[in-house]
Structures are given as C-alpha cells and as structure tokens.
Amino acid sequence: QVQLVESGGGLVQAGGSLRLSCAASGSIRSINAMGWYRQAPGKQRELVAVITSGGRSNYADSLKGRFTISRDNAKNTVYLQMNSLKPEDTAVYYCNALISAIATPIPRQYWGQGTQLTVSS
C-alpha cells in the first residue's frame, strides 16, 4: 500500500509565503517524478510543478518565479515553496507521484488527498 500525505496548507494573506510538503510512504520500490497540481473552485485541475528524481523541474508558466518545487529523495518527500501569494492561488493543492511499488513494479500515478490553500486579499 502506497500513500501520499500532504501538509502545510492553510490561510495566508496576499503577499505571504507558505510551504507545502508531501510524503510518500508504504511499500515503495522507487519514485520517479513527483509534482503538485491544484484545483480552484469551478476549474479543472492544473499542473503547478513537477520534479524528476534527478532534480529537474518544470513549472506552469504563470507560476515561474513565485513557486519552487524541491524534493528530498531520502525522505520520499516533495515540497512546494510558494511566495508572493495571490488570491487567485486559492485552491486545493494535490500531490502526485509516479511510483513503482514493491507489489506492483509497473509505475503508476498516486495522488494525495489534497490540502486547502486560501489566500486572502
């Protein structure tokens, strides 16, 4: 059984910063890419950022310069540092990872339960 558990969401004022964390646990053989997505009310889920096991990252164009993704492979954890937050960043943020489990070696996508970020103006 593999799980992704996010933490760090909450309420923050516009201009503030917050860091999200997502830890993968369970019977993991290896983790490939890890990333963050978000879904605002009434909108589709969208990619925020993704990072490979080797540390190469990609971002949604609109978020470059404000958000930074990083990971600690030893802890199976991915982070999202969010700076200069805006009300339009309000959304549920979901962690995503491509994981090869011990029981099912073919890599598959796993999702966290989501963490709410609310940015007040």
N, C-alpha and C. Protein backbone atom coordinates (compact mmCIF):
# COMPACT_ATOMS: atom_id res chain seq x y z
N GLN A 1 0.84 -1.19 0.00
CA GLN A 1 0.00 0.00 0.00
C GLN A 1 0.88 1.24 0.00
N VAL A 2 0.60 2.14 -0.91
CA VAL A 2 1.35 3.38 -1.03
C VAL A 2 0.43 4.55 -0.72
N GLN A 3 0.94 5.49 0.02
CA GLN A 3 0.16 6.68 0.37
C GLN A 3 0.97 7.93 0.13
N LEU A 4 0.27 8.99 -0.25
CA LEU A 4 0.85 10.33 -0.30
C LEU A 4 0.07 11.18 0.68
N VAL A 5 0.77 11.82 1.57
CA VAL A 5 0.12 12.65 2.58
C VAL A 5 0.68 14.05 2.52
N GLU A 6 -0.21 15.01 2.22
CA GLU A 6 0.19 16.41 2.12
C GLU A 6 0.01 17.10 3.47
N SER A 7 0.76 18.15 3.65
CA SER A 7 0.60 19.01 4.83
C SER A 7 1.08 20.41 4.48
N GLY A 8 0.65 21.37 5.29
CA GLY A 8 1.16 22.73 5.15
C GLY A 8 0.18 23.73 4.58
N GLY A 9 -1.00 23.29 4.18
CA GLY A 9 -1.97 24.25 3.67
C GLY A 9 -2.52 25.12 4.78
N GLY A 10 -3.31 26.11 4.39
CA GLY A 10 -3.92 26.97 5.39
C GLY A 10 -4.36 28.29 4.80
N LEU A 11 -4.53 29.25 5.69
CA LEU A 11 -4.96 30.59 5.30
C LEU A 11 -3.77 31.53 5.41
N VAL A 12 -3.54 32.31 4.37
CA VAL A 12 -2.42 33.26 4.35
C VAL A 12 -2.88 34.53 3.65
N GLN A 13 -2.31 35.64 4.05
CA GLN A 13 -2.63 36.91 3.40
C GLN A 13 -1.89 37.06 2.08
N ALA A 14 -2.47 37.81 1.19
CA ALA A 14 -1.82 38.09 -0.08
C ALA A 14 -0.43 38.67 0.18
N GLY A 15 0.53 38.19 -0.61
CA GLY A 15 1.91 38.62 -0.43
C GLY A 15 2.71 37.72 0.48
N GLY A 16 2.02 36.84 1.18
CA GLY A 16 2.69 35.94 2.11
C GLY A 16 3.28 34.72 1.43
N SER A 17 3.86 33.86 2.26
CA SER A 17 4.51 32.65 1.78
C SER A 17 4.01 31.44 2.56
N LEU A 18 4.14 30.31 1.94
CA LEU A 18 3.74 29.05 2.58
C LEU A 18 4.51 27.93 1.90
N ARG A 19 4.76 26.87 2.67
CA ARG A 19 5.42 25.71 2.10
C ARG A 19 4.55 24.48 2.32
N LEU A 20 4.30 23.79 1.23
CA LEU A 20 3.58 22.52 1.29
C LEU A 20 4.58 21.37 1.29
N SER A 21 4.20 20.30 1.97
CA SER A 21 5.00 19.09 1.97
C SER A 21 4.14 17.91 1.59
N CYS A 22 4.76 16.93 0.99
CA CYS A 22 4.05 15.70 0.65
C CYS A 22 5.00 14.54 0.82
N ALA A 23 4.64 13.63 1.69
CA ALA A 23 5.48 12.48 1.98
C ALA A 23 4.83 11.21 1.43
N ALA A 24 5.62 10.45 0.72
CA ALA A 24 5.17 9.15 0.22
C ALA A 24 5.60 8.08 1.19
N SER A 25 4.71 7.15 1.45
CA SER A 25 5.05 6.07 2.38
C SER A 25 4.43 4.76 1.89
N GLY A 26 4.90 3.68 2.48
CA GLY A 26 4.37 2.37 2.11
C GLY A 26 5.44 1.51 1.45
N SER A 27 4.96 0.52 0.74
CA SER A 27 5.86 -0.45 0.12
C SER A 27 6.34 0.07 -1.23
N ILE A 28 7.31 0.96 -1.17
CA ILE A 28 7.79 1.67 -2.35
C ILE A 28 9.08 1.06 -2.85
N ARG A 29 9.10 0.79 -4.15
CA ARG A 29 10.33 0.32 -4.78
C ARG A 29 11.14 1.52 -5.25
N SER A 30 10.48 2.44 -5.94
CA SER A 30 11.16 3.63 -6.43
C SER A 30 10.11 4.70 -6.76
N ILE A 31 10.57 5.94 -6.72
CA ILE A 31 9.71 7.06 -7.07
C ILE A 31 10.33 7.82 -8.23
N ASN A 32 9.58 8.00 -9.27
CA ASN A 32 10.07 8.76 -10.40
C ASN A 32 9.69 10.23 -10.20
N ALA A 33 8.91 10.78 -11.06
CA ALA A 33 8.54 12.19 -10.93
C ALA A 33 7.58 12.40 -9.77
N MET A 34 7.70 13.53 -9.14
CA MET A 34 6.76 13.98 -8.11
C MET A 34 6.33 15.38 -8.49
N GLY A 35 5.10 15.72 -8.14
CA GLY A 35 4.63 17.03 -8.55
C GLY A 35 3.46 17.53 -7.74
N TRP A 36 3.08 18.73 -8.07
CA TRP A 36 1.94 19.37 -7.43
C TRP A 36 0.96 19.84 -8.49
N TYR A 37 -0.30 19.64 -8.22
CA TYR A 37 -1.39 20.14 -9.04
C TYR A 37 -2.30 20.95 -8.13
N ARG A 38 -3.15 21.75 -8.73
CA ARG A 38 -4.12 22.48 -7.93
C ARG A 38 -5.45 22.57 -8.65
N GLN A 39 -6.49 22.70 -7.87
CA GLN A 39 -7.83 22.83 -8.43
C GLN A 39 -8.59 23.89 -7.67
N ALA A 40 -8.91 24.95 -8.38
CA ALA A 40 -9.70 26.03 -7.79
C ALA A 40 -11.18 25.72 -7.99
N PRO A 41 -12.04 26.31 -7.19
CA PRO A 41 -13.49 26.06 -7.33
C PRO A 41 -13.98 26.36 -8.74
N GLY A 42 -14.68 25.41 -9.32
CA GLY A 42 -15.25 25.60 -10.65
C GLY A 42 -14.25 25.48 -11.78
N LYS A 43 -13.02 25.10 -11.47
CA LYS A 43 -12.00 24.99 -12.51
C LYS A 43 -11.43 23.59 -12.57
N GLN A 44 -10.77 23.29 -13.67
CA GLN A 44 -10.13 22.00 -13.81
C GLN A 44 -8.83 21.96 -13.02
N ARG A 45 -8.43 20.76 -12.66
CA ARG A 45 -7.15 20.58 -12.00
C ARG A 45 -6.04 20.93 -12.99
N GLU A 46 -5.05 21.67 -12.49
CA GLU A 46 -3.96 22.10 -13.36
C GLU A 46 -2.61 21.80 -12.74
N LEU A 47 -1.62 21.63 -13.59
CA LEU A 47 -0.27 21.37 -13.13
C LEU A 47 0.32 22.64 -12.52
N VAL A 48 0.97 22.47 -11.39
CA VAL A 48 1.71 23.57 -10.77
C VAL A 48 3.20 23.40 -11.07
N ALA A 49 3.73 22.25 -10.70
CA ALA A 49 5.14 22.00 -10.90
C ALA A 49 5.41 20.51 -10.77
N VAL A 50 6.48 20.07 -11.41
CA VAL A 50 6.88 18.67 -11.34
C VAL A 50 8.40 18.62 -11.24
N ILE A 51 8.89 17.59 -10.56
CA ILE A 51 10.33 17.43 -10.40
C ILE A 51 10.68 15.96 -10.56
N THR A 52 11.75 15.69 -11.31
CA THR A 52 12.17 14.31 -11.52
C THR A 52 13.01 13.83 -10.34
N SER A 53 13.31 12.55 -10.33
CA SER A 53 14.14 12.01 -9.26
C SER A 53 15.54 12.60 -9.31
N GLY A 54 15.95 13.07 -10.47
CA GLY A 54 17.26 13.69 -10.61
C GLY A 54 17.28 15.17 -10.31
N GLY A 55 16.10 15.73 -10.00
CA GLY A 55 16.04 17.13 -9.59
C GLY A 55 15.67 18.12 -10.69
N ARG A 56 15.36 17.63 -11.87
CA ARG A 56 14.95 18.53 -12.94
C ARG A 56 13.50 18.92 -12.72
N SER A 57 13.22 20.23 -12.82
CA SER A 57 11.88 20.70 -12.51
C SER A 57 11.26 21.47 -13.68
N ASN A 58 9.95 21.46 -13.69
CA ASN A 58 9.19 22.24 -14.66
C ASN A 58 8.01 22.87 -13.93
N TYR A 59 7.64 24.05 -14.41
CA TYR A 59 6.58 24.81 -13.76
C TYR A 59 5.54 25.27 -14.77
N ALA A 60 4.35 25.49 -14.27
CA ALA A 60 3.38 26.22 -15.06
C ALA A 60 3.95 27.61 -15.33
N ASP A 61 3.83 28.07 -16.56
CA ASP A 61 4.45 29.33 -16.94
C ASP A 61 4.03 30.48 -16.02
N SER A 62 2.78 30.47 -15.62
CA SER A 62 2.25 31.59 -14.84
C SER A 62 2.79 31.61 -13.41
N LEU A 63 3.45 30.52 -13.00
CA LEU A 63 3.91 30.44 -11.61
C LEU A 63 5.42 30.53 -11.48
N LYS A 64 6.11 30.55 -12.60
CA LYS A 64 7.57 30.63 -12.54
C LYS A 64 8.00 31.89 -11.81
N GLY A 65 8.96 31.72 -10.92
CA GLY A 65 9.48 32.86 -10.18
C GLY A 65 8.84 33.04 -8.81
N ARG A 66 7.64 32.51 -8.63
CA ARG A 66 6.99 32.62 -7.31
C ARG A 66 6.98 31.28 -6.56
N PHE A 67 6.87 30.19 -7.30
CA PHE A 67 6.80 28.87 -6.68
C PHE A 67 8.09 28.10 -6.96
N THR A 68 8.52 27.33 -5.98
CA THR A 68 9.71 26.50 -6.14
C THR A 68 9.41 25.09 -5.64
N ILE A 69 9.66 24.11 -6.49
CA ILE A 69 9.48 22.73 -6.10
C ILE A 69 10.84 22.12 -5.77
N SER A 70 10.86 21.27 -4.77
CA SER A 70 12.09 20.57 -4.40
C SER A 70 11.70 19.22 -3.81
N ARG A 71 12.69 18.36 -3.67
CA ARG A 71 12.39 17.06 -3.09
C ARG A 71 13.57 16.54 -2.31
N ASP A 72 13.26 15.69 -1.35
CA ASP A 72 14.26 15.00 -0.55
C ASP A 72 14.06 13.51 -0.83
N ASN A 73 14.90 12.96 -1.67
CA ASN A 73 14.71 11.56 -2.06
C ASN A 73 14.87 10.60 -0.88
N ALA A 74 15.71 10.96 0.06
CA ALA A 74 15.91 10.09 1.23
C ALA A 74 14.65 10.00 2.08
N LYS A 75 13.84 11.05 2.03
CA LYS A 75 12.61 11.10 2.83
C LYS A 75 11.37 10.84 1.99
N ASN A 76 11.56 10.59 0.70
CA ASN A 76 10.41 10.39 -0.21
C ASN A 76 9.42 11.54 -0.11
N THR A 77 9.96 12.74 -0.05
CA THR A 77 9.14 13.91 0.21
C THR A 77 9.38 14.98 -0.86
N VAL A 78 8.30 15.61 -1.26
CA VAL A 78 8.37 16.72 -2.20
C VAL A 78 7.79 17.95 -1.52
N TYR A 79 8.36 19.09 -1.84
CA TYR A 79 7.96 20.35 -1.22
C TYR A 79 7.55 21.34 -2.31
N LEU A 80 6.71 22.28 -1.90
CA LEU A 80 6.36 23.38 -2.78
C LEU A 80 6.44 24.66 -1.96
N GLN A 81 7.43 25.46 -2.24
CA GLN A 81 7.57 26.76 -1.59
C GLN A 81 6.84 27.79 -2.43
N MET A 82 5.89 28.47 -1.82
CA MET A 82 5.06 29.43 -2.54
C MET A 82 5.26 30.81 -1.93
N ASN A 83 5.70 31.74 -2.74
CA ASN A 83 5.96 33.10 -2.30
C ASN A 83 5.07 34.08 -3.04
N SER A 84 4.97 35.28 -2.51
CA SER A 84 4.17 36.34 -3.13
C SER A 84 2.79 35.82 -3.53
N LEU A 85 2.15 35.18 -2.59
CA LEU A 85 0.87 34.54 -2.87
C LEU A 85 -0.21 35.57 -3.22
N LYS A 86 -1.09 35.14 -4.11
CA LYS A 86 -2.18 35.98 -4.60
C LYS A 86 -3.50 35.29 -4.32
N PRO A 87 -4.57 36.04 -4.22
CA PRO A 87 -5.88 35.40 -4.01
C PRO A 87 -6.20 34.35 -5.07
N GLU A 88 -5.74 34.55 -6.28
CA GLU A 88 -6.01 33.57 -7.34
C GLU A 88 -5.24 32.27 -7.17
N ASP A 89 -4.34 32.22 -6.21
CA ASP A 89 -3.66 30.96 -5.88
C ASP A 89 -4.52 30.08 -4.98
N THR A 90 -5.63 30.60 -4.52
CA THR A 90 -6.53 29.82 -3.67
C THR A 90 -7.02 28.60 -4.42
N ALA A 91 -6.81 27.44 -3.81
CA ALA A 91 -7.16 26.18 -4.46
C ALA A 91 -6.87 25.03 -3.50
N VAL A 92 -7.32 23.86 -3.88
CA VAL A 92 -6.86 22.65 -3.23
C VAL A 92 -5.63 22.18 -3.98
N TYR A 93 -4.57 21.95 -3.25
CA TYR A 93 -3.31 21.53 -3.85
C TYR A 93 -3.14 20.03 -3.62
N TYR A 94 -2.86 19.33 -4.71
CA TYR A 94 -2.72 17.89 -4.68
C TYR A 94 -1.30 17.48 -5.03
N CYS A 95 -0.80 16.55 -4.27
CA CYS A 95 0.48 15.94 -4.55
C CYS A 95 0.28 14.76 -5.49
N ASN A 96 1.22 14.57 -6.37
CA ASN A 96 1.16 13.49 -7.34
C ASN A 96 2.53 12.86 -7.47
N ALA A 97 2.58 11.55 -7.63
CA ALA A 97 3.87 10.90 -7.79
C ALA A 97 3.72 9.65 -8.66
N LEU A 98 4.74 9.40 -9.42
CA LEU A 98 4.82 8.19 -10.24
C LEU A 98 5.68 7.20 -9.47
N ILE A 99 5.04 6.17 -8.97
CA ILE A 99 5.69 5.27 -8.01
C ILE A 99 5.63 3.83 -8.48
N SER A 100 6.76 3.17 -8.33
CA SER A 100 6.82 1.73 -8.52
C SER A 100 6.75 1.09 -7.14
N ALA A 101 5.69 0.37 -6.91
CA ALA A 101 5.52 -0.28 -5.61
C ALA A 101 6.17 -1.66 -5.63
N ILE A 102 6.48 -2.15 -4.47
CA ILE A 102 7.10 -3.47 -4.38
C ILE A 102 6.15 -4.54 -4.92
N ALA A 103 4.88 -4.41 -4.62
CA ALA A 103 3.92 -5.43 -5.05
C ALA A 103 3.55 -5.30 -6.52
N THR A 104 3.61 -4.06 -7.03
CA THR A 104 3.22 -3.81 -8.43
C THR A 104 4.32 -2.97 -9.07
N PRO A 105 5.36 -3.60 -9.60
CA PRO A 105 6.54 -2.87 -10.07
C PRO A 105 6.29 -1.89 -11.21
N ILE A 106 5.25 -2.11 -12.00
CA ILE A 106 4.97 -1.15 -13.07
C ILE A 106 4.55 0.18 -12.44
N PRO A 107 5.25 1.26 -12.75
CA PRO A 107 4.95 2.55 -12.13
C PRO A 107 3.52 3.00 -12.43
N ARG A 108 2.90 3.59 -11.43
CA ARG A 108 1.58 4.17 -11.62
C ARG A 108 1.48 5.47 -10.84
N GLN A 109 0.46 6.24 -11.20
CA GLN A 109 0.25 7.54 -10.56
C GLN A 109 -0.46 7.37 -9.22
N TYR A 110 0.01 8.09 -8.25
CA TYR A 110 -0.65 8.16 -6.96
C TYR A 110 -0.97 9.61 -6.65
N TRP A 111 -2.06 9.82 -5.95
CA TRP A 111 -2.48 11.16 -5.57
C TRP A 111 -2.65 11.26 -4.06
N GLY A 112 -2.33 12.44 -3.55
CA GLY A 112 -2.65 12.72 -2.16
C GLY A 112 -4.10 13.16 -2.03
N GLN A 113 -4.50 13.39 -0.80
CA GLN A 113 -5.90 13.73 -0.54
C GLN A 113 -6.19 15.20 -0.78
N GLY A 114 -5.16 16.00 -0.93
CA GLY A 114 -5.32 17.42 -1.17
C GLY A 114 -5.23 18.24 0.10
N THR A 115 -4.70 19.44 -0.02
CA THR A 115 -4.63 20.37 1.09
C THR A 115 -5.08 21.73 0.60
N GLN A 116 -5.91 22.38 1.41
CA GLN A 116 -6.51 23.64 1.00
C GLN A 116 -5.57 24.81 1.28
N LEU A 117 -5.39 25.64 0.28
CA LEU A 117 -4.70 26.93 0.45
C LEU A 117 -5.70 28.03 0.16
N THR A 118 -5.84 28.94 1.09
CA THR A 118 -6.70 30.10 0.90
C THR A 118 -5.87 31.35 1.09
N VAL A 119 -5.86 32.20 0.08
CA VAL A 119 -5.11 33.45 0.14
C VAL A 119 -6.11 34.60 0.21
N SER A 120 -6.07 35.33 1.29
CA SER A 120 -7.00 36.44 1.48
C SER A 120 -6.39 37.74 0.95
N SER A 121 -7.25 38.60 0.45
CA SER A 121 -6.78 39.86 -0.11
C SER A 121 -6.71 40.95 0.93
